[in-house]
C-alpha atoms as a PDB file:
ATOM      1  CA  UNK A   1     -16.877   2.656 -10.378  1.00  0.00           C
ATOM      2  CA  UNK A   2     -14.536   2.025  -7.814  1.00  0.00           C
ATOM      3  CA  UNK A   3     -10.634   0.634  -8.130  1.00  0.00           C
ATOM      4  CA  UNK A   4     -10.770  -2.582  -6.643  1.00  0.00           C
ATOM      5  CA  UNK A   5      -8.315  -5.614  -6.797  1.00  0.00           C
ATOM      6  CA  UNK A   6      -6.262  -7.828  -4.619  1.00  0.00           C
ATOM      7  CA  UNK A   7      -2.351  -9.146  -4.346  1.00  0.00           C
ATOM      8  CA  UNK A   8      -1.198 -11.319  -7.172  1.00  0.00           C
ATOM      9  CA  UNK A   9       1.917 -12.978  -8.114  1.00  0.00           C
ATOM     10  CA  UNK A  10       4.539 -11.465 -10.674  1.00  0.00           C
ATOM     11  CA  UNK A  11       5.937 -14.694 -11.374  1.00  0.00           C
ATOM     12  CA  UNK A  12       4.565 -14.949 -15.083  1.00  0.00           C
ATOM     13  CA  UNK A  13       4.823 -11.371 -15.816  1.00  0.00           C
ATOM     14  CA  UNK A  14       2.960  -8.065 -15.927  1.00  0.00           C
ATOM     15  CA  UNK A  15       0.283  -9.435 -18.600  1.00  0.00           C
ATOM     16  CA  UNK A  16      -0.526 -12.390 -16.973  1.00  0.00           C
ATOM     17  CA  UNK A  17      -1.175 -10.435 -13.846  1.00  0.00           C
ATOM     18  CA  UNK A  18      -3.560  -7.923 -15.773  1.00  0.00           C
ATOM     19  CA  UNK A  19      -5.366 -10.999 -17.507  1.00  0.00           C
ATOM     20  CA  UNK A  20      -5.827 -12.568 -13.916  1.00  0.00           C
ATOM     21  CA  UNK A  21      -7.361  -9.416 -12.435  1.00  0.00           C
ATOM     22  CA  UNK A  22      -9.815  -9.183 -15.390  1.00  0.00           C
ATOM     23  CA  UNK A  23     -10.943 -12.408 -14.690  1.00  0.00           C
ATOM     24  CA  UNK A  24     -11.135 -12.030 -10.867  1.00  0.00           C
ATOM     25  CA  UNK A  25     -13.571  -8.965 -12.301  1.00  0.00           C
ATOM     26  CA  UNK A  26     -11.248  -6.361 -11.313  1.00  0.00           C
ATOM     27  CA  UNK A  27      -9.550  -3.310 -12.222  1.00  0.00           C
ATOM     28  CA  UNK A  28      -6.290  -2.497 -10.320  1.00  0.00           C
ATOM     29  CA  UNK A  29      -3.827  -4.952  -8.474  1.00  0.00           C
ATOM     30  CA  UNK A  30      -0.946  -5.420  -6.421  1.00  0.00           C
ATOM     31  CA  UNK A  31       2.469  -6.989  -6.826  1.00  0.00           C
ATOM     32  CA  UNK A  32       5.930  -7.475  -4.770  1.00  0.00           C
ATOM     33  CA  UNK A  33       9.022  -5.616  -6.702  1.00  0.00           C
ATOM     34  CA  UNK A  34      11.078  -8.788  -5.380  1.00  0.00           C
ATOM     35  CA  UNK A  35      10.893 -11.979  -3.134  1.00  0.00           C
ATOM     36  CA  UNK A  36       8.780 -10.373  -0.408  1.00  0.00           C
ATOM     37  CA  UNK A  37      10.733 -12.171   2.788  1.00  0.00           C
ATOM     38  CA  UNK A  38      14.432 -11.767   0.529  1.00  0.00           C
ATOM     39  CA  UNK A  39      16.227  -9.960  -1.712  1.00  0.00           C
ATOM     40  CA  UNK A  40      16.035 -11.271  -5.513  1.00  0.00           C
ATOM     41  CA  UNK A  41      14.145  -9.188  -7.982  1.00  0.00           C
ATOM     42  CA  UNK A  42      13.111 -11.099 -11.369  1.00  0.00           C
ATOM     43  CA  UNK A  43      14.613  -9.228 -14.596  1.00  0.00           C
ATOM     44  CA  UNK A  44      11.428  -7.621 -16.248  1.00  0.00           C
ATOM     45  CA  UNK A  45      10.391  -7.905 -19.942  1.00  0.00           C
ATOM     46  CA  UNK A  46      10.144  -5.120 -22.034  1.00  0.00           C
ATOM     47  CA  UNK A  47       7.865  -6.816 -24.233  1.00  0.00           C
ATOM     48  CA  UNK A  48       5.581  -8.117 -21.589  1.00  0.00           C
ATOM     49  CA  UNK A  49       5.551  -4.621 -20.468  1.00  0.00           C
ATOM     50  CA  UNK A  50       4.586  -3.415 -23.505  1.00  0.00           C
ATOM     51  CA  UNK A  51       1.756  -5.916 -23.737  1.00  0.00           C
ATOM     52  CA  UNK A  52       0.809  -5.069 -20.341  1.00  0.00           C
ATOM     53  CA  UNK A  53       0.467  -1.358 -20.974  1.00  0.00           C
ATOM     54  CA  UNK A  54      -1.681  -2.040 -24.154  1.00  0.00           C
ATOM     55  CA  UNK A  55      -3.722  -4.453 -22.187  1.00  0.00           C
ATOM     56  CA  UNK A  56      -4.358  -2.394 -19.797  1.00  0.00           C
ATOM     57  CA  UNK A  57      -5.082   0.928 -21.778  1.00  0.00           C
ATOM     58  CA  UNK A  58      -7.956  -1.277 -23.587  1.00  0.00           C
ATOM     59  CA  UNK A  59      -9.337  -2.941 -19.992  1.00  0.00           C
ATOM     60  CA  UNK A  60      -9.322   0.121 -17.887  1.00  0.00           C
ATOM     61  CA  UNK A  61      -6.532  -0.663 -15.138  1.00  0.00           C
ATOM     62  CA  UNK A  62      -4.783   2.658 -15.218  1.00  0.00           C
ATOM     63  CA  UNK A  63      -3.684   2.244 -11.736  1.00  0.00           C
ATOM     64  CA  UNK A  64      -1.390  -0.723 -10.096  1.00  0.00           C
ATOM     65  CA  UNK A  65       0.407  -0.958  -6.678  1.00  0.00           C
ATOM     66  CA  UNK A  66       4.247  -2.396  -6.333  1.00  0.00           C
ATOM     67  CA  UNK A  67       4.545  -3.343  -2.693  1.00  0.00           C
ATOM     68  CA  UNK A  68       8.263  -3.126  -1.576  1.00  0.00           C
ATOM     69  CA  UNK A  69       9.316  -6.430   0.294  1.00  0.00           C
ATOM     70  CA  UNK A  70       9.216  -6.898   4.295  1.00  0.00           C
ATOM     71  CA  UNK A  71      12.645  -6.801   4.481  1.00  0.00           C
ATOM     72  CA  UNK A  72      12.996  -3.582   3.582  1.00  0.00           C
ATOM     73  CA  UNK A  73      14.050  -1.615   6.790  1.00  0.00           C
ATOM     74  CA  UNK A  74      15.408   2.218   6.256  1.00  0.00           C
ATOM     75  CA  UNK A  75      15.533   2.660   9.768  1.00  0.00           C
ATOM     76  CA  UNK A  76      17.078  -0.546  11.040  1.00  0.00           C
ATOM     77  CA  UNK A  77      19.642  -0.205  14.187  1.00  0.00           C
ATOM     78  CA  UNK A  78      22.005  -2.511  11.458  1.00  0.00           C
ATOM     79  CA  UNK A  79      23.925  -0.589   8.733  1.00  0.00           C
ATOM     80  CA  UNK A  80      24.223  -3.453   7.058  1.00  0.00           C
ATOM     81  CA  UNK A  81      19.715  -3.835   6.482  1.00  0.00           C
ATOM     82  CA  UNK A  82      19.814   0.072   5.861  1.00  0.00           C
ATOM     83  CA  UNK A  83      22.373  -0.621   3.142  1.00  0.00           C
ATOM     84  CA  UNK A  84      19.928  -3.028   1.823  1.00  0.00           C
ATOM     85  CA  UNK A  85      16.668  -0.731   1.888  1.00  0.00           C
ATOM     86  CA  UNK A  86      18.786   1.401  -0.121  1.00  0.00           C
ATOM     87  CA  UNK A  87      20.188  -0.521  -2.629  1.00  0.00           C
ATOM     88  CA  UNK A  88      16.546  -2.758  -3.154  1.00  0.00           C
ATOM     89  CA  UNK A  89      14.573   0.768  -3.189  1.00  0.00           C
ATOM     90  CA  UNK A  90      17.239   2.336  -5.588  1.00  0.00           C
ATOM     91  CA  UNK A  91      16.791  -0.550  -7.974  1.00  0.00           C
ATOM     92  CA  UNK A  92      12.903  -0.818  -7.574  1.00  0.00           C
ATOM     93  CA  UNK A  93      12.744   3.055  -8.395  1.00  0.00           C
ATOM     94  CA  UNK A  94      14.626   2.657 -11.514  1.00  0.00           C
ATOM     95  CA  UNK A  95      12.442  -0.447 -12.722  1.00  0.00           C
ATOM     96  CA  UNK A  96       8.986   1.276 -12.144  1.00  0.00           C
ATOM     97  CA  UNK A  97       9.865   3.767 -14.230  1.00  0.00           C
ATOM     98  CA  UNK A  98       9.445   0.992 -16.950  1.00  0.00           C
ATOM     99  CA  UNK A  99       5.554   1.182 -16.051  1.00  0.00           C
ATOM    100  CA  UNK A 100       5.201   5.086 -15.532  1.00  0.00           C
ATOM    101  CA  UNK A 101       2.829   6.860 -13.020  1.00  0.00           C
ATOM    102  CA  UNK A 102       2.243   4.397 -11.024  1.00  0.00           C
ATOM    103  CA  UNK A 103       2.414   3.489  -7.034  1.00  0.00           C
ATOM    104  CA  UNK A 104       5.510   2.312  -4.602  1.00  0.00           C
ATOM    105  CA  UNK A 105       4.118   1.190  -1.465  1.00  0.00           C
ATOM    106  CA  UNK A 106       6.714   0.467   1.285  1.00  0.00           C
ATOM    107  CA  UNK A 107       6.132  -0.323   4.950  1.00  0.00           C
ATOM    108  CA  UNK A 108       8.232   2.749   7.148  1.00  0.00           C
ATOM    109  CA  UNK A 109      10.208   0.321   8.823  1.00  0.00           C
ATOM    110  CA  UNK A 110      10.846  -0.283  12.441  1.00  0.00           C
ATOM    111  CA  UNK A 111      13.336   1.496  14.554  1.00  0.00           C
ATOM    112  CA  UNK A 112      14.112  -1.296  16.909  1.00  0.00           C
ATOM    113  CA  UNK A 113      15.185   0.721  20.197  1.00  0.00           C
ATOM    114  CA  UNK A 114      16.308   3.591  18.504  1.00  0.00           C
ATOM    115  CA  UNK A 115      13.416   5.852  19.373  1.00  0.00           C
ATOM    116  CA  UNK A 116      10.279   7.153  16.909  1.00  0.00           C
ATOM    117  CA  UNK A 117      12.394  10.492  15.896  1.00  0.00           C
ATOM    118  CA  UNK A 118      15.474   8.304  15.111  1.00  0.00           C
ATOM    119  CA  UNK A 119      13.604   6.463  12.804  1.00  0.00           C
ATOM    120  CA  UNK A 120      11.748   9.098  11.203  1.00  0.00           C
ATOM    121  CA  UNK A 121      14.864  10.545  10.438  1.00  0.00           C
ATOM    122  CA  UNK A 122      16.588   7.363   9.156  1.00  0.00           C
ATOM    123  CA  UNK A 123      13.577   6.885   6.516  1.00  0.00           C
ATOM    124  CA  UNK A 124      13.403  10.428   5.667  1.00  0.00           C
ATOM    125  CA  UNK A 125      17.284  10.316   5.000  1.00  0.00           C
ATOM    126  CA  UNK A 126      16.770   7.648   2.655  1.00  0.00           C
ATOM    127  CA  UNK A 127      14.134   9.145   0.431  1.00  0.00           C
ATOM    128  CA  UNK A 128      15.687  12.426  -0.063  1.00  0.00           C
ATOM    129  CA  UNK A 129      18.690  10.340  -1.115  1.00  0.00           C
ATOM    130  CA  UNK A 130      16.170   7.968  -3.693  1.00  0.00           C
ATOM    131  CA  UNK A 131      13.573  10.251  -5.095  1.00  0.00           C
ATOM    132  CA  UNK A 132      14.431  11.865  -8.703  1.00  0.00           C
ATOM    133  CA  UNK A 133      13.225  15.303  -9.542  1.00  0.00           C
ATOM    134  CA  UNK A 134      11.956  13.518 -13.296  1.00  0.00           C
ATOM    135  CA  UNK A 135      10.588  10.523 -11.860  1.00  0.00           C
ATOM    136  CA  UNK A 136       6.888   9.462 -12.600  1.00  0.00           C
ATOM    137  CA  UNK A 137       6.363   6.965  -9.715  1.00  0.00           C
ATOM    138  CA  UNK A 138       4.677   7.728  -6.717  1.00  0.00           C
ATOM    139  CA  UNK A 139       6.175   6.449  -3.197  1.00  0.00           C
ATOM    140  CA  UNK A 140       3.480   5.622  -0.512  1.00  0.00           C
ATOM    141  CA  UNK A 141       4.114   5.295   3.161  1.00  0.00           C
ATOM    142  CA  UNK A 142       1.923   2.493   4.016  1.00  0.00           C
ATOM    143  CA  UNK A 143      -0.606   3.273   7.320  1.00  0.00           C
ATOM    144  CA  UNK A 144       1.077   0.653  10.379  1.00  0.00           C
ATOM    145  CA  UNK A 145      -0.843  -0.855  13.490  1.00  0.00           C
ATOM    146  CA  UNK A 146       2.031   0.033  15.755  1.00  0.00           C
ATOM    147  CA  UNK A 147       3.215  -2.966  17.335  1.00  0.00           C
ATOM    148  CA  UNK A 148       6.970  -3.184  18.679  1.00  0.00           C
ATOM    149  CA  UNK A 149       8.803  -0.291  17.461  1.00  0.00           C
ATOM    150  CA  UNK A 150       7.321   0.369  14.080  1.00  0.00           C
ATOM    151  CA  UNK A 151       7.211   3.588  12.509  1.00  0.00           C
ATOM    152  CA  UNK A 152       3.912   4.753  11.085  1.00  0.00           C
ATOM    153  CA  UNK A 153       1.599   3.597  13.555  1.00  0.00           C
ATOM    154  CA  UNK A 154       0.565   7.361  14.187  1.00  0.00           C
ATOM    155  CA  UNK A 155      -0.905   9.844  11.246  1.00  0.00           C
ATOM    156  CA  UNK A 156       1.724  12.239  12.802  1.00  0.00           C
ATOM    157  CA  UNK A 157       4.781  10.040  12.482  1.00  0.00           C
ATOM    158  CA  UNK A 158       3.935   9.709   8.577  1.00  0.00           C
ATOM    159  CA  UNK A 159       3.602  13.612   8.483  1.00  0.00           C
ATOM    160  CA  UNK A 160       6.758  14.451  10.020  1.00  0.00           C
ATOM    161  CA  UNK A 161       8.307  11.846   7.563  1.00  0.00           C
ATOM    162  CA  UNK A 162       6.616  13.768   4.669  1.00  0.00           C
ATOM    163  CA  UNK A 163       7.642  17.201   6.002  1.00  0.00           C
ATOM    164  CA  UNK A 164      11.718  16.234   6.039  1.00  0.00           C
ATOM    165  CA  UNK A 165      11.208  15.056   2.128  1.00  0.00           C
ATOM    166  CA  UNK A 166      12.404  17.614  -0.247  1.00  0.00           C
ATOM    167  CA  UNK A 167      10.484  16.094  -2.945  1.00  0.00           C
ATOM    168  CA  UNK A 168       7.232  15.795  -0.950  1.00  0.00           C
ATOM    169  CA  UNK A 169       5.528  15.972  -4.735  1.00  0.00           C
ATOM    170  CA  UNK A 170       6.288  12.284  -5.291  1.00  0.00           C
ATOM    171  CA  UNK A 171       5.062  11.282  -2.070  1.00  0.00           C
ATOM    172  CA  UNK A 172       2.227   9.894  -0.620  1.00  0.00           C
ATOM    173  CA  UNK A 173       0.134   7.606   1.525  1.00  0.00           C
ATOM    174  CA  UNK A 174      -1.484   4.074   1.323  1.00  0.00           C
ATOM    175  CA  UNK A 175      -4.312   4.064   4.269  1.00  0.00           C
ATOM    176  CA  UNK A 176      -4.418  -0.181   5.403  1.00  0.00           C
ATOM    177  CA  UNK A 177      -7.947  -0.254   7.023  1.00  0.00           C
ATOM    178  CA  UNK A 178      -7.089  -3.182   9.367  1.00  0.00           C
ATOM    179  CA  UNK A 179      -3.403  -1.257  10.329  1.00  0.00           C
ATOM    180  CA  UNK A 180      -5.297   1.839  11.282  1.00  0.00           C
ATOM    181  CA  UNK A 181      -7.663  -0.194  12.853  1.00  0.00           C
ATOM    182  CA  UNK A 182      -5.533  -2.101  15.076  1.00  0.00           C
ATOM    183  CA  UNK A 183      -3.679   1.340  15.693  1.00  0.00           C
ATOM    184  CA  UNK A 184      -6.700   2.547  17.347  1.00  0.00           C
ATOM    185  CA  UNK A 185      -8.217   4.730  14.688  1.00  0.00           C
ATOM    186  CA  UNK A 186     -11.900   4.020  14.740  1.00  0.00           C
ATOM    187  CA  UNK A 187     -13.141   2.993  10.945  1.00  0.00           C
ATOM    188  CA  UNK A 188     -16.366   1.436  12.412  1.00  0.00           C
ATOM    189  CA  UNK A 189     -17.977   3.713  13.980  1.00  0.00           C
ATOM    190  CA  UNK A 190     -16.409   6.996  13.040  1.00  0.00           C
ATOM    191  CA  UNK A 191     -14.978   6.974   9.465  1.00  0.00           C
ATOM    192  CA  UNK A 192     -15.993  10.432   8.808  1.00  0.00           C
ATOM    193  CA  UNK A 193     -14.135  11.869  12.048  1.00  0.00           C
ATOM    194  CA  UNK A 194     -10.766   9.077  10.900  1.00  0.00           C
ATOM    195  CA  UNK A 195     -10.539  10.312   8.099  1.00  0.00           C
ATOM    196  CA  UNK A 196     -11.064  14.550   8.948  1.00  0.00           C
ATOM    197  CA  UNK A 197      -8.441  13.743  11.376  1.00  0.00           C
ATOM    198  CA  UNK A 198      -6.129  12.135   8.456  1.00  0.00           C
ATOM    199  CA  UNK A 199      -6.695  15.224   6.353  1.00  0.00           C
ATOM    200  CA  UNK A 200      -6.191  17.970   9.119  1.00  0.00           C
ATOM    201  CA  UNK A 201      -2.661  16.303   9.730  1.00  0.00           C
ATOM    202  CA  UNK A 202      -1.626  14.474   6.356  1.00  0.00           C
ATOM    203  CA  UNK A 203      -4.008  15.765   4.160  1.00  0.00           C
ATOM    204  CA  UNK A 204      -6.630  13.690   1.724  1.00  0.00           C
ATOM    205  CA  UNK A 205      -4.628  14.786  -1.487  1.00  0.00           C
ATOM    206  CA  UNK A 206      -1.919  12.470  -0.048  1.00  0.00           C
ATOM    207  CA  UNK A 207      -4.273   9.662   0.186  1.00  0.00           C
ATOM    208  CA  UNK A 208      -3.031   7.995  -3.040  1.00  0.00           C
ATOM    209  CA  UNK A 209      -4.673   3.923  -2.026  1.00  0.00           C
ATOM    210  CA  UNK A 210      -5.743   1.585   0.060  1.00  0.00           C
ATOM    211  CA  UNK A 211      -5.553  -1.804   1.626  1.00  0.00           C
ATOM    212  CA  UNK A 212      -8.790  -3.264   2.096  1.00  0.00           C
ATOM    213  CA  UNK A 213      -8.331  -5.881   5.127  1.00  0.00           C
ATOM    214  CA  UNK A 214     -10.503  -7.305   8.180  1.00  0.00           C
ATOM    215  CA  UNK A 215      -9.101  -7.477  11.684  1.00  0.00           C
ATOM    216  CA  UNK A 216      -8.684 -10.636  13.721  1.00  0.00           C
ATOM    217  CA  UNK A 217      -8.427  -8.186  16.792  1.00  0.00           C
ATOM    218  CA  UNK A 218     -10.295  -5.353  18.426  1.00  0.00           C
ATOM    219  CA  UNK A 219     -10.064  -1.882  17.969  1.00  0.00           C
ATOM    220  CA  UNK A 220      -6.332  -0.605  19.202  1.00  0.00           C
ATOM    221  CA  UNK A 221      -5.074  -3.849  19.501  1.00  0.00           C
ATOM    222  CA  UNK A 222      -1.586  -3.326  17.757  1.00  0.00           C
ATOM    223  CA  UNK A 223      -1.241  -6.988  16.691  1.00  0.00           C
ATOM    224  CA  UNK A 224      -1.933  -6.675  12.507  1.00  0.00           C
ATOM    225  CA  UNK A 225      -3.216 -10.221  11.628  1.00  0.00           C
ATOM    226  CA  UNK A 226      -5.495  -9.764   8.514  1.00  0.00           C
ATOM    227  CA  UNK A 227      -8.958 -11.042   8.307  1.00  0.00           C
ATOM    228  CA  UNK A 228     -11.365 -11.693   5.018  1.00  0.00           C
ATOM    229  CA  UNK A 229     -13.914  -9.266   4.476  1.00  0.00           C
ATOM    230  CA  UNK A 230     -16.628  -9.277   6.970  1.00  0.00           C
ATOM    231  CA  UNK A 231     -15.170 -12.178   9.008  1.00  0.00           C
ATOM    232  CA  UNK A 232     -13.160  -9.682  11.641  1.00  0.00           C
ATOM    233  CA  UNK A 233     -13.830  -7.159  13.985  1.00  0.00           C
ATOM    234  CA  UNK A 234     -14.313  -4.424  11.302  1.00  0.00           C
ATOM    235  CA  UNK A 235     -17.395  -6.151   9.501  1.00  0.00           C
ATOM    236  CA  UNK A 236     -19.027  -5.705   6.395  1.00  0.00           C
ATOM    237  CA  UNK A 237     -21.209  -2.919   7.120  1.00  0.00           C
ATOM    238  CA  UNK A 238     -18.034  -0.843   7.902  1.00  0.00           C
ATOM    239  CA  UNK A 239     -16.751  -1.834   4.292  1.00  0.00           C
ATOM    240  CA  UNK A 240     -19.655  -0.572   2.684  1.00  0.00           C
ATOM    241  CA  UNK A 241     -19.332   2.849   4.201  1.00  0.00           C
ATOM    242  CA  UNK A 242     -15.206   2.838   2.881  1.00  0.00           C
ATOM    243  CA  UNK A 243     -16.182   1.891  -0.561  1.00  0.00           C
ATOM    244  CA  UNK A 244     -18.654   4.372  -0.753  1.00  0.00           C
ATOM    245  CA  UNK A 245     -17.113   7.372   0.936  1.00  0.00           C
ATOM    246  CA  UNK A 246     -16.677   9.916  -1.561  1.00  0.00           C
ATOM    247  CA  UNK A 247     -13.417  10.456  -0.547  1.00  0.00           C
ATOM    248  CA  UNK A 248     -12.323   7.241  -1.027  1.00  0.00           C
ATOM    249  CA  UNK A 249     -14.193   5.893  -4.091  1.00  0.00           C
ATOM    250  CA  UNK A 250     -11.421   7.031  -6.704  1.00  0.00           C
ATOM    251  CA  UNK A 251      -8.733   5.396  -5.077  1.00  0.00           C
ATOM    252  CA  UNK A 252      -6.919   1.899  -5.856  1.00  0.00           C
ATOM    253  CA  UNK A 253      -8.094  -0.628  -3.466  1.00  0.00           C
ATOM    254  CA  UNK A 254      -6.326  -3.412  -2.539  1.00  0.00           C
ATOM    255  CA  UNK A 255      -7.291  -6.508  -1.273  1.00  0.00           C
ATOM    256  CA  UNK A 256      -4.299  -8.503   0.838  1.00  0.00           C
ATOM    257  CA  UNK A 257      -6.900 -10.882   2.897  1.00  0.00           C
ATOM    258  CA  UNK A 258      -6.206 -14.522   3.555  1.00  0.00           C
ATOM    259  CA  UNK A 259      -7.341 -15.489   0.535  1.00  0.00           C
ATOM    260  CA  UNK A 260      -6.728 -17.715  -2.360  1.00  0.00           C
ATOM    261  CA  UNK A 261      -8.418 -16.596  -6.320  1.00  0.00           C
ATOM    262  CA  UNK A 262     -11.418 -17.583  -6.037  1.00  0.00           C
ATOM    263  CA  UNK A 263     -11.813 -15.810  -2.572  1.00  0.00           C
ATOM    264  CA  UNK A 264     -10.344 -12.615  -4.035  1.00  0.00           C
ATOM    265  CA  UNK A 265     -12.805 -12.978  -6.897  1.00  0.00           C
ATOM    266  CA  UNK A 266     -15.544 -13.443  -4.351  1.00  0.00           C
ATOM    267  CA  UNK A 267     -14.697 -10.423  -2.010  1.00  0.00           C
ATOM    268  CA  UNK A 268     -13.973  -8.249  -5.139  1.00  0.00           C
ATOM    269  CA  UNK A 269     -17.724  -8.969  -6.459  1.00  0.00           C
ATOM    270  CA  UNK A 270     -19.185  -8.524  -2.541  1.00  0.00           C
ATOM    271  CA  UNK A 271     -17.005  -5.632  -2.374  1.00  0.00           C
ATOM    272  CA  UNK A 272     -18.780  -3.761  -5.681  1.00  0.00           C
ATOM    273  CA  UNK A 273     -21.915  -4.915  -4.675  1.00  0.00           C
ATOM    274  CA  UNK A 274     -21.476  -2.851  -1.583  1.00  0.00           C
ATOM    275  CA  UNK A 275     -20.636   0.182  -3.389  1.00  0.00           C
ATOM    276  CA  UNK A 276     -23.560  -0.366  -5.270  1.00  0.00           C
ATOM    277  CA  UNK A 277     -22.355  -1.301  -8.511  1.00  0.00           C
END
């Protein structure tokens, strides 16, 4: 069985998200830890979390993905921005322990003219300052499209960050299909080749989640514009190969396509059919 779900609003709490993804036909989901374009985080309700954990155990929702806000940029040229990234991630990781053994995904950031090596160093320094030996949360670096001064558009950049993090056992990678396609990795015509390259550079054991998004742009365009499944340049046949691939099938797969809830339900059903379920 594939682990498939979508991004949900956390405004009504964890139990509501659990029930919502069940209604949509999925068995995993993603949510923002705080305002995606700001800094505010909603106070967590221990009773709601306890109810969600019980509900998840009963409905096979074992893994969910938390997404850091887009405003988090640990390799910014601005000290104030880096300080916010430190504060937000530190707070997020503390809160994540209330839902133990889950995944925390973030965009590595943009070095904004400082150079890729400086960006990698700053990201690694923040992770080394924040990761704790006893934490249960796995922190995921997201593969990026490589637009502008983004860090993470190449597998080698993510590998260098991982190599610099002392507590690397607490680290993993989330592969975004739109991003890697826009970055120039041809998952349409050579999925096996891309995964072999990922394994050689990073290691498939580090791949912990997928974002399933079609792309509005051709291969290697470095644009990062998501499209609905089967309506972009990646196409439905490529997604059938992705959801059936033995190296990917057991990972949580999160839809971030431009959809409302009925559209997500349709895409979840489509991907389950493509997976042969």
